[in-house]
Protein backbone atom coordinates (compact mmCIF):
# COMPACT_ATOMS: atom_id res chain seq x y z
CA MET A 1 120.05 128.42 -14.17
CA GLU A 2 116.54 127.30 -13.28
CA ARG A 3 115.34 130.87 -13.29
CA VAL A 4 116.70 131.39 -16.85
CA ARG A 5 115.06 128.13 -18.02
CA GLY A 6 111.73 129.31 -16.57
CA LYS A 7 112.01 132.57 -18.50
CA TYR A 8 112.64 130.68 -21.76
CA ILE A 9 109.64 128.43 -21.17
CA PHE A 10 107.49 131.46 -20.37
CA MET A 11 108.64 133.27 -23.53
CA LEU A 12 108.01 130.16 -25.64
CA ALA A 13 104.51 129.87 -24.22
CA MET A 14 103.84 133.55 -24.99
CA LEU A 15 105.03 133.14 -28.59
CA LEU A 16 102.83 130.08 -29.08
CA GLY A 17 99.89 131.91 -27.55
CA LEU A 18 100.35 134.76 -30.01
CA ALA A 19 100.82 132.47 -33.02
CA LEU A 20 97.81 130.19 -32.44
CA PRO A 21 95.11 132.69 -33.54
CA ILE A 22 96.85 132.91 -36.93
CA TYR A 23 96.13 129.22 -37.54
CA ALA A 24 92.55 129.31 -36.23
CA GLU A 25 89.73 128.44 -38.66
CA GLU A 26 87.76 131.21 -40.25
CA VAL A 27 84.05 131.21 -39.48
CA ASN A 28 81.63 131.68 -42.35
CA PRO A 29 79.38 134.67 -41.52
CA LEU A 30 76.42 132.98 -43.25
CA THR A 31 76.36 130.28 -40.56
CA ILE A 32 76.41 132.61 -37.55
CA PRO A 33 72.96 133.67 -36.31
CA GLN A 34 72.34 137.38 -36.72
CA ASN A 35 69.43 139.77 -37.03
CA ASN A 36 68.03 139.79 -40.56
CA SER A 37 65.76 142.41 -42.02
CA PHE A 38 62.48 141.53 -43.65
CA ALA A 39 63.74 142.99 -46.94
CA THR A 40 66.35 140.23 -47.26
CA CYS A 41 63.69 137.54 -46.91
CA PHE A 42 61.88 138.04 -50.23
CA LYS A 43 62.80 138.16 -53.88
CA THR A 44 60.91 138.63 -57.15
CA TYR A 45 61.50 136.23 -60.04
CA SER A 46 60.55 136.44 -63.72
CA MET A 47 58.75 133.11 -63.86
CA PRO A 48 55.22 131.87 -63.27
CA ALA A 49 54.21 131.13 -59.68
CA GLU A 50 53.80 127.41 -60.35
CA LYS A 51 57.35 127.07 -61.65
CA LEU A 52 58.72 129.10 -58.74
CA PHE A 53 56.85 126.87 -56.29
CA TYR A 54 58.51 123.75 -57.73
CA MET A 55 61.90 125.49 -57.82
CA THR A 56 61.42 126.39 -54.14
CA LEU A 57 60.71 122.75 -53.29
CA ALA A 58 63.80 121.66 -55.19
CA SER A 59 65.92 124.30 -53.46
CA ILE A 60 64.75 123.31 -49.99
CA ASN A 61 65.43 119.68 -50.79
CA ALA A 62 68.87 120.43 -52.28
CA ASN A 63 69.88 122.37 -49.17
CA ARG A 64 68.91 119.32 -47.09
CA PHE A 65 66.24 121.11 -45.11
CA ARG A 66 63.39 118.98 -43.76
CA ILE A 67 60.03 119.67 -45.42
CA ASP A 68 57.21 119.51 -42.88
CA GLU A 69 54.18 120.61 -44.87
CA ILE A 70 53.35 121.49 -48.49
CA GLN A 71 50.26 123.41 -49.62
CA SER A 72 50.38 123.67 -53.39
CA LYS A 73 47.04 125.47 -53.74
CA THR A 74 48.03 128.38 -51.51
CA GLY A 75 51.70 128.13 -52.53
CA TYR A 76 53.52 127.69 -49.26
CA VAL A 77 56.05 125.24 -47.83
CA LEU A 78 56.76 124.79 -44.13
CA PHE A 79 60.27 123.48 -43.52
CA THR A 80 62.65 122.98 -40.59
CA VAL A 81 66.31 123.94 -40.28
CA ALA A 82 68.20 123.29 -37.02
CA ASN A 83 65.00 122.92 -34.97
CA ARG A 84 63.55 126.19 -36.35
CA GLN A 85 60.61 126.32 -38.72
CA PHE A 86 60.48 128.58 -41.75
CA LEU A 87 57.65 129.39 -44.11
CA ALA A 88 58.33 129.77 -47.82
CA GLY A 89 55.43 131.40 -49.63
CA VAL A 90 55.08 131.92 -53.37
CA VAL A 91 52.84 134.80 -54.47
CA LYS A 92 51.75 135.43 -58.06
CA VAL A 93 52.43 139.03 -59.08
CA ASN A 94 51.25 138.68 -62.69
CA SER A 95 51.38 135.99 -65.37
CA THR A 96 55.15 136.23 -65.80
CA LYS A 97 56.39 137.36 -62.37
CA SER A 98 56.12 135.89 -58.91
CA LEU A 99 57.50 136.58 -55.45
CA LEU A 100 59.18 134.18 -53.03
CA ARG A 101 59.09 135.06 -49.34
CA ILE A 102 60.98 133.00 -46.73
CA THR A 103 60.23 133.99 -43.15
CA PRO A 104 60.70 132.29 -39.78
CA ALA A 105 57.50 130.78 -38.42
CA SER A 106 58.28 132.13 -34.94
CA ASN A 107 58.62 135.68 -36.33
CA ASN A 108 62.08 135.84 -34.72
CA TYR A 109 64.47 137.19 -37.36
CA TYR A 110 67.61 136.16 -35.46
CA PHE A 111 68.83 133.27 -37.62
CA PRO A 112 71.72 132.45 -39.99
CA PRO A 113 71.22 134.41 -43.24
CA GLY A 114 72.56 131.47 -45.24
CA ILE A 115 69.19 129.72 -44.96
CA VAL A 116 67.52 132.37 -47.10
CA SER A 117 70.45 133.27 -49.34
CA ASN A 118 71.28 129.64 -50.21
CA THR A 119 67.67 129.01 -51.19
CA PHE A 120 67.68 132.07 -53.45
CA LYS A 121 71.07 131.14 -54.93
CA TYR A 122 69.86 127.66 -55.88
CA ILE A 123 66.85 129.12 -57.68
CA ASP A 124 69.01 131.76 -59.40
CA LEU A 125 71.45 129.12 -60.64
CA ASN A 126 68.74 126.80 -61.93
CA THR A 127 66.28 129.22 -63.54
CA ASP A 128 67.52 128.42 -67.04
CA THR A 129 66.59 124.74 -66.73
CA ASP A 130 63.19 123.75 -68.03
CA ILE A 131 60.64 122.41 -65.59
CA VAL A 132 57.59 120.75 -67.03
CA SER A 133 54.49 122.50 -65.74
CA ILE A 134 51.58 120.36 -64.64
CA LYS A 135 48.11 121.57 -65.57
């Protein structure tokens, strides 16, 4: 009788062990560190460089990243995410286009891709809003 009860307990444990991965949480791939290519770290926008610089500041702030340093003349922002520093640089292509480049300061491209993609998404979603340019 005890031997039969042991088999039932063992079978119940096996069934529970097989069923638990079904109820496990899914992990968002944007939060897992992975190797990123340099090509995914820059994007061209159809807006003046000054407006893109302010949109970049707003995006970094909205994503709750810590801003360490701002250089408005050269157009770069140094910010920290999870104890890693990133450099966001805005480059003027012409009067109507500009380029935003977000790269890790350590030159180690093994980081969560959500840092870059969420910054770009915020700018993409808010490009229709008017920002007053300061001259």
